[in-house]
Amino acid sequence: MVKKRQQTKLVHEGQYIAEVDVELIDMDKGWSPYLSLDDAYKPDDIRDALRRGDVKSAAQLARIFTLTPVAV
């Protein structure tokens, strides 16, 4: 039996945090849960876009937040 469920992954890069939604696939046998190939690459694509400073591209795949230090 195959079950699918949503999960939010966090990606931290520099001053940014991205929340990306991925779908986990649970199966009765094997090593579960799995990610689809597209969902497996999403965090890497977001991280690469943020490293380039391309927040607009990253925001098409995830919710982007900036980190602000509150104490030093």
PDB file of N, CA and C in Angstrom:
ATOM      1  N   MET A   1       0.843  -1.180   0.000  1.00  0.00           N
ATOM      2  CA  MET A   1       0.000   0.000   0.000  1.00  0.00           C
ATOM      3  C   MET A   1       0.896   1.253   0.000  1.00  0.00           C
ATOM      4  N   VAL A   2       0.558   2.196  -0.823  1.00  0.00           N
ATOM      5  CA  VAL A   2       1.324   3.439  -0.941  1.00  0.00           C
ATOM      6  C   VAL A   2       0.527   4.567  -0.290  1.00  0.00           C
ATOM      7  N   LYS A   3       1.169   5.261   0.613  1.00  0.00           N
ATOM      8  CA  LYS A   3       0.561   6.425   1.262  1.00  0.00           C
ATOM      9  C   LYS A   3       1.426   7.642   0.967  1.00  0.00           C
ATOM     10  N   LYS A   4       0.787   8.767   0.708  1.00  0.00           N
ATOM     11  CA  LYS A   4       1.522  10.001   0.454  1.00  0.00           C
ATOM     12  C   LYS A   4       1.126  11.028   1.504  1.00  0.00           C
ATOM     13  N   ARG A   5       2.129  11.806   1.955  1.00  0.00           N
ATOM     14  CA  ARG A   5       1.860  12.862   2.926  1.00  0.00           C
ATOM     15  C   ARG A   5       2.787  14.044   2.671  1.00  0.00           C
ATOM     16  N   GLN A   6       2.313  15.210   3.034  1.00  0.00           N
ATOM     17  CA  GLN A   6       3.081  16.444   2.843  1.00  0.00           C
ATOM     18  C   GLN A   6       3.957  16.705   4.065  1.00  0.00           C
ATOM     19  N   GLN A   7       5.127  17.259   3.830  1.00  0.00           N
ATOM     20  CA  GLN A   7       6.022  17.667   4.905  1.00  0.00           C
ATOM     21  C   GLN A   7       6.745  18.925   4.470  1.00  0.00           C
ATOM     22  N   THR A   8       7.053  19.779   5.418  1.00  0.00           N
ATOM     23  CA  THR A   8       7.803  21.001   5.144  1.00  0.00           C
ATOM     24  C   THR A   8       9.253  20.795   5.552  1.00  0.00           C
ATOM     25  N   LYS A   9      10.154  21.040   4.614  1.00  0.00           N
ATOM     26  CA  LYS A   9      11.595  20.968   4.874  1.00  0.00           C
ATOM     27  C   LYS A   9      12.135  22.387   4.976  1.00  0.00           C
ATOM     28  N   LEU A  10      13.146  22.584   5.801  1.00  0.00           N
ATOM     29  CA  LEU A  10      13.795  23.883   5.937  1.00  0.00           C
ATOM     30  C   LEU A  10      15.159  23.844   5.266  1.00  0.00           C
ATOM     31  N   VAL A  11      15.449  24.913   4.539  1.00  0.00           N
ATOM     32  CA  VAL A  11      16.744  25.057   3.868  1.00  0.00           C
ATOM     33  C   VAL A  11      17.351  26.360   4.368  1.00  0.00           C
ATOM     34  N   HIS A  12      18.540  26.276   4.943  1.00  0.00           N
ATOM     35  CA  HIS A  12      19.234  27.462   5.446  1.00  0.00           C
ATOM     36  C   HIS A  12      20.408  27.782   4.535  1.00  0.00           C
ATOM     37  N   GLU A  13      20.451  29.012   4.068  1.00  0.00           N
ATOM     38  CA  GLU A  13      21.580  29.454   3.237  1.00  0.00           C
ATOM     39  C   GLU A  13      21.840  30.919   3.520  1.00  0.00           C
ATOM     40  N   GLY A  14      23.009  31.195   4.115  1.00  0.00           N
ATOM     41  CA  GLY A  14      23.371  32.580   4.424  1.00  0.00           C
ATOM     42  C   GLY A  14      22.367  33.218   5.363  1.00  0.00           C
ATOM     43  N   GLN A  15      21.827  34.351   4.947  1.00  0.00           N
ATOM     44  CA  GLN A  15      20.863  35.075   5.786  1.00  0.00           C
ATOM     45  C   GLN A  15      19.421  34.647   5.526  1.00  0.00           C
ATOM     46  N   TYR A  16      19.223  33.580   4.759  1.00  0.00           N
ATOM     47  CA  TYR A  16      17.882  33.156   4.374  1.00  0.00           C
ATOM     48  C   TYR A  16      17.522  31.782   4.929  1.00  0.00           C
ATOM     49  N   ILE A  17      16.231  31.617   5.176  1.00  0.00           N
ATOM     50  CA  ILE A  17      15.632  30.309   5.482  1.00  0.00           C
ATOM     51  C   ILE A  17      14.510  30.121   4.475  1.00  0.00           C
ATOM     52  N   ALA A  18      14.427  28.942   3.897  1.00  0.00           N
ATOM     53  CA  ALA A  18      13.353  28.633   2.954  1.00  0.00           C
ATOM     54  C   ALA A  18      12.537  27.472   3.498  1.00  0.00           C
ATOM     55  N   GLU A  19      11.225  27.600   3.423  1.00  0.00           N
ATOM     56  CA  GLU A  19      10.314  26.512   3.748  1.00  0.00           C
ATOM     57  C   GLU A  19       9.823  25.925   2.432  1.00  0.00           C
ATOM     58  N   VAL A  20      10.150  24.670   2.206  1.00  0.00           N
ATOM     59  CA  VAL A  20       9.752  24.016   0.962  1.00  0.00           C
ATOM     60  C   VAL A  20       8.863  22.814   1.289  1.00  0.00           C
ATOM     61  N   ASP A  21       7.733  22.715   0.605  1.00  0.00           N
ATOM     62  CA  ASP A  21       6.818  21.597   0.790  1.00  0.00           C
ATOM     63  C   ASP A  21       7.220  20.452  -0.134  1.00  0.00           C
ATOM     64  N   VAL A  22       7.344  19.269   0.451  1.00  0.00           N
ATOM     65  CA  VAL A  22       7.665  18.073  -0.316  1.00  0.00           C
ATOM     66  C   VAL A  22       6.643  16.994   0.026  1.00  0.00           C
ATOM     67  N   GLU A  23       6.517  16.027  -0.866  1.00  0.00           N
ATOM     68  CA  GLU A  23       5.599  14.921  -0.648  1.00  0.00           C
ATOM     69  C   GLU A  23       6.398  13.674  -0.310  1.00  0.00           C
ATOM     70  N   LEU A  24       6.120  13.092   0.853  1.00  0.00           N
ATOM     71  CA  LEU A  24       6.762  11.850   1.258  1.00  0.00           C
ATOM     72  C   LEU A  24       5.892  10.679   0.826  1.00  0.00           C
ATOM     73  N   ILE A  25       6.523   9.643   0.321  1.00  0.00           N
ATOM     74  CA  ILE A  25       5.817   8.458  -0.158  1.00  0.00           C
ATOM     75  C   ILE A  25       6.180   7.300   0.762  1.00  0.00           C
ATOM     76  N   ASP A  26       5.184   6.792   1.483  1.00  0.00           N
ATOM     77  CA  ASP A  26       5.372   5.649   2.385  1.00  0.00           C
ATOM     78  C   ASP A  26       4.914   4.381   1.676  1.00  0.00           C
ATOM     79  N   MET A  27       5.754   3.352   1.730  1.00  0.00           N
ATOM     80  CA  MET A  27       5.412   2.058   1.142  1.00  0.00           C
ATOM     81  C   MET A  27       5.558   0.990   2.214  1.00  0.00           C
ATOM     82  N   ASP A  28       4.893  -0.122   2.020  1.00  0.00           N
ATOM     83  CA  ASP A  28       4.925  -1.212   2.998  1.00  0.00           C
ATOM     84  C   ASP A  28       6.279  -1.898   3.073  1.00  0.00           C
ATOM     85  N   LYS A  29       7.021  -1.888   1.983  1.00  0.00           N
ATOM     86  CA  LYS A  29       8.305  -2.576   1.995  1.00  0.00           C
ATOM     87  C   LYS A  29       9.414  -1.610   1.573  1.00  0.00           C
ATOM     88  N   GLY A  30      10.629  -2.006   1.821  1.00  0.00           N
ATOM     89  CA  GLY A  30      11.766  -1.167   1.443  1.00  0.00           C
ATOM     90  C   GLY A  30      12.046  -0.098   2.482  1.00  0.00           C
ATOM     91  N   TRP A  31      12.826   0.857   2.086  1.00  0.00           N
ATOM     92  CA  TRP A  31      13.224   1.940   2.973  1.00  0.00           C
ATOM     93  C   TRP A  31      12.277   3.095   2.738  1.00  0.00           C
ATOM     94  N   SER A  32      11.390   3.321   3.654  1.00  0.00           N
ATOM     95  CA  SER A  32      10.421   4.409   3.537  1.00  0.00           C
ATOM     96  C   SER A  32      10.714   5.456   4.595  1.00  0.00           C
ATOM     97  N   PRO A  33      10.313   6.658   4.427  1.00  0.00           N
ATOM     98  CA  PRO A  33       9.600   7.226   3.285  1.00  0.00           C
ATOM     99  C   PRO A  33      10.559   7.662   2.181  1.00  0.00           C
ATOM    100  N   TYR A  34       9.999   7.780   0.988  1.00  0.00           N
ATOM    101  CA  TYR A  34      10.739   8.212  -0.185  1.00  0.00           C
ATOM    102  C   TYR A  34      10.296   9.611  -0.582  1.00  0.00           C
ATOM    103  N   LEU A  35      11.161  10.290  -1.315  1.00  0.00           N
ATOM    104  CA  LEU A  35      10.809  11.539  -1.988  1.00  0.00           C
ATOM    105  C   LEU A  35      10.778  11.273  -3.482  1.00  0.00           C
ATOM    106  N   SER A  36       9.897  11.956  -4.190  1.00  0.00           N
ATOM    107  CA  SER A  36       9.959  11.868  -5.649  1.00  0.00           C
ATOM    108  C   SER A  36      11.264  12.523  -6.097  1.00  0.00           C
ATOM    109  N   LEU A  37      11.697  12.229  -7.299  1.00  0.00           N
ATOM    110  CA  LEU A  37      12.947  12.797  -7.802  1.00  0.00           C
ATOM    111  C   LEU A  37      12.888  14.320  -7.835  1.00  0.00           C
ATOM    112  N   ASP A  38      11.747  14.884  -8.276  1.00  0.00           N
ATOM    113  CA  ASP A  38      11.594  16.348  -8.318  1.00  0.00           C
ATOM    114  C   ASP A  38      11.678  16.953  -6.928  1.00  0.00           C
ATOM    115  N   ASP A  39      10.996  16.328  -5.954  1.00  0.00           N
ATOM    116  CA  ASP A  39      11.026  16.847  -4.586  1.00  0.00           C
ATOM    117  C   ASP A  39      12.411  16.695  -3.954  1.00  0.00           C
ATOM    118  N   ALA A  40      13.147  15.671  -4.355  1.00  0.00           N
ATOM    119  CA  ALA A  40      14.490  15.469  -3.813  1.00  0.00           C
ATOM    120  C   ALA A  40      15.441  16.574  -4.266  1.00  0.00           C
ATOM    121  N   TYR A  41      15.231  17.092  -5.479  1.00  0.00           N
ATOM    122  CA  TYR A  41      16.105  18.145  -6.004  1.00  0.00           C
ATOM    123  C   TYR A  41      15.700  19.556  -5.576  1.00  0.00           C
ATOM    124  N   LYS A  42      14.459  19.734  -5.123  1.00  0.00           N
ATOM    125  CA  LYS A  42      13.979  21.067  -4.755  1.00  0.00           C
ATOM    126  C   LYS A  42      14.881  21.786  -3.750  1.00  0.00           C
ATOM    127  N   PRO A  43      15.224  21.169  -2.599  1.00  0.00           N
ATOM    128  CA  PRO A  43      16.078  21.882  -1.640  1.00  0.00           C
ATOM    129  C   PRO A  43      17.420  22.328  -2.226  1.00  0.00           C
ATOM    130  N   ASP A  44      18.012  21.486  -3.068  1.00  0.00           N
ATOM    131  CA  ASP A  44      19.287  21.847  -3.698  1.00  0.00           C
ATOM    132  C   ASP A  44      19.115  23.013  -4.670  1.00  0.00           C
ATOM    133  N   ASP A  45      18.025  22.995  -5.445  1.00  0.00           N
ATOM    134  CA  ASP A  45      17.761  24.095  -6.372  1.00  0.00           C
ATOM    135  C   ASP A  45      17.547  25.412  -5.629  1.00  0.00           C
ATOM    136  N   ILE A  46      16.839  25.341  -4.523  1.00  0.00           N
ATOM    137  CA  ILE A  46      16.594  26.546  -3.712  1.00  0.00           C
ATOM    138  C   ILE A  46      17.896  27.052  -3.118  1.00  0.00           C
ATOM    139  N   ARG A  47      18.691  26.151  -2.568  1.00  0.00           N
ATOM    140  CA  ARG A  47      19.979  26.533  -1.971  1.00  0.00           C
ATOM    141  C   ARG A  47      20.890  27.177  -3.021  1.00  0.00           C
ATOM    142  N   ASP A  48      20.945  26.600  -4.209  1.00  0.00           N
ATOM    143  CA  ASP A  48      21.776  27.162  -5.284  1.00  0.00           C
ATOM    144  C   ASP A  48      21.297  28.557  -5.678  1.00  0.00           C
ATOM    145  N   ALA A  49      19.989  28.750  -5.783  1.00  0.00           N
ATOM    146  CA  ALA A  49      19.443  30.066  -6.140  1.00  0.00           C
ATOM    147  C   ALA A  49      19.780  31.097  -5.065  1.00  0.00           C
ATOM    148  N   LEU A  50      19.668  30.722  -3.806  1.00  0.00           N
ATOM    149  CA  LEU A  50      19.977  31.666  -2.720  1.00  0.00           C
ATOM    150  C   LEU A  50      21.466  31.993  -2.685  1.00  0.00           C
ATOM    151  N   ARG A  51      22.308  31.032  -2.989  1.00  0.00           N
ATOM    152  CA  ARG A  51      23.761  31.297  -3.045  1.00  0.00           C
ATOM    153  C   ARG A  51      24.093  32.310  -4.135  1.00  0.00           C
ATOM    154  N   ARG A  52      23.352  32.257  -5.242  1.00  0.00           N
ATOM    155  CA  ARG A  52      23.552  33.207  -6.339  1.00  0.00           C
ATOM    156  C   ARG A  52      22.909  34.560  -6.054  1.00  0.00           C
ATOM    157  N   GLY A  53      22.124  34.644  -4.975  1.00  0.00           N
ATOM    158  CA  GLY A  53      21.412  35.876  -4.666  1.00  0.00           C
ATOM    159  C   GLY A  53      20.121  36.018  -5.451  1.00  0.00           C
ATOM    160  N   ASP A  54      19.658  34.939  -6.067  1.00  0.00           N
ATOM    161  CA  ASP A  54      18.449  34.947  -6.887  1.00  0.00           C
ATOM    162  C   ASP A  54      17.241  34.552  -6.028  1.00  0.00           C
ATOM    163  N   VAL A  55      16.811  35.480  -5.192  1.00  0.00           N
ATOM    164  CA  VAL A  55      15.702  35.230  -4.273  1.00  0.00           C
ATOM    165  C   VAL A  55      14.401  35.010  -5.042  1.00  0.00           C
ATOM    166  N   LYS A  56      14.254  35.693  -6.175  1.00  0.00           N
ATOM    167  CA  LYS A  56      13.042  35.568  -6.970  1.00  0.00           C
ATOM    168  C   LYS A  56      12.841  34.127  -7.448  1.00  0.00           C
ATOM    169  N   SER A  57      13.887  33.492  -7.949  1.00  0.00           N
ATOM    170  CA  SER A  57      13.788  32.093  -8.398  1.00  0.00           C
ATOM    171  C   SER A  57      13.513  31.155  -7.231  1.00  0.00           C
ATOM    172  N   ALA A  58      14.185  31.392  -6.119  1.00  0.00           N
ATOM    173  CA  ALA A  58      13.975  30.551  -4.941  1.00  0.00           C
ATOM    174  C   ALA A  58      12.546  30.684  -4.430  1.00  0.00           C
ATOM    175  N   ALA A  59      11.989  31.886  -4.514  1.00  0.00           N
ATOM    176  CA  ALA A  59      10.629  32.131  -4.023  1.00  0.00           C
ATOM    177  C   ALA A  59       9.570  31.448  -4.879  1.00  0.00           C
ATOM    178  N   GLN A  60       9.919  31.041  -6.092  1.00  0.00           N
ATOM    179  CA  GLN A  60       8.970  30.297  -6.924  1.00  0.00           C
ATOM    180  C   GLN A  60       8.810  28.857  -6.437  1.00  0.00           C
ATOM    181  N   LEU A  61       9.787  28.368  -5.673  1.00  0.00           N
ATOM    182  CA  LEU A  61       9.772  26.997  -5.184  1.00  0.00           C
ATOM    183  C   LEU A  61       9.470  26.882  -3.691  1.00  0.00           C
ATOM    184  N   ALA A  62       9.630  27.988  -2.943  1.00  0.00           N
ATOM    185  CA  ALA A  62       9.508  27.921  -1.491  1.00  0.00           C
ATOM    186  C   ALA A  62       9.130  29.282  -0.919  1.00  0.00           C
ATOM    187  N   ARG A  63       8.808  29.275   0.361  1.00  0.00           N
ATOM    188  CA  ARG A  63       8.584  30.517   1.097  1.00  0.00           C
ATOM    189  C   ARG A  63       9.931  30.932   1.688  1.00  0.00           C
ATOM    190  N   ILE A  64      10.362  32.157   1.404  1.00  0.00           N
ATOM    191  CA  ILE A  64      11.697  32.619   1.793  1.00  0.00           C
ATOM    192  C   ILE A  64      11.574  33.632   2.923  1.00  0.00           C
ATOM    193  N   PHE A  65      12.439  33.491   3.922  1.00  0.00           N
ATOM    194  CA  PHE A  65      12.494  34.403   5.062  1.00  0.00           C
ATOM    195  C   PHE A  65      13.928  34.845   5.265  1.00  0.00           C
ATOM    196  N   THR A  66      14.111  36.055   5.777  1.00  0.00           N
ATOM    197  CA  THR A  66      15.453  36.505   6.131  1.00  0.00           C
ATOM    198  C   THR A  66      15.648  36.325   7.624  1.00  0.00           C
ATOM    199  N   LEU A  67      16.880  36.048   8.000  1.00  0.00           N
ATOM    200  CA  LEU A  67      17.232  35.898   9.408  1.00  0.00           C
ATOM    201  C   LEU A  67      17.781  37.229   9.903  1.00  0.00           C
ATOM    202  N   THR A  68      17.325  37.642  11.067  1.00  0.00           N
ATOM    203  CA  THR A  68      17.788  38.870  11.677  1.00  0.00           C
ATOM    204  C   THR A  68      18.361  38.544  13.058  1.00  0.00           C
ATOM    205  N   PRO A  69      19.639  38.831  13.297  1.00  0.00           N
ATOM    206  CA  PRO A  69      20.195  38.572  14.624  1.00  0.00           C
ATOM    207  C   PRO A  69      19.527  39.471  15.671  1.00  0.00           C
ATOM    208  N   VAL A  70      19.215  38.902  16.817  1.00  0.00           N
ATOM    209  CA  VAL A  70      18.603  39.689  17.879  1.00  0.00           C
ATOM    210  C   VAL A  70      19.592  39.990  19.006  1.00  0.00           C
ATOM    211  N   ALA A  71      20.686  39.255  19.057  1.00  0.00           N
ATOM    212  CA  ALA A  71      21.724  39.505  20.056  1.00  0.00           C
ATOM    213  C   ALA A  71      23.059  39.060  19.485  1.00  0.00           C
ATOM    214  N   VAL A  72      24.093  39.714  19.920  1.00  0.00           N
ATOM    215  CA  VAL A  72      25.430  39.374  19.436  1.00  0.00           C
ATOM    216  C   VAL A  72      26.233  38.722  20.521  1.00  0.00           C
TER     217      VAL A  72
END
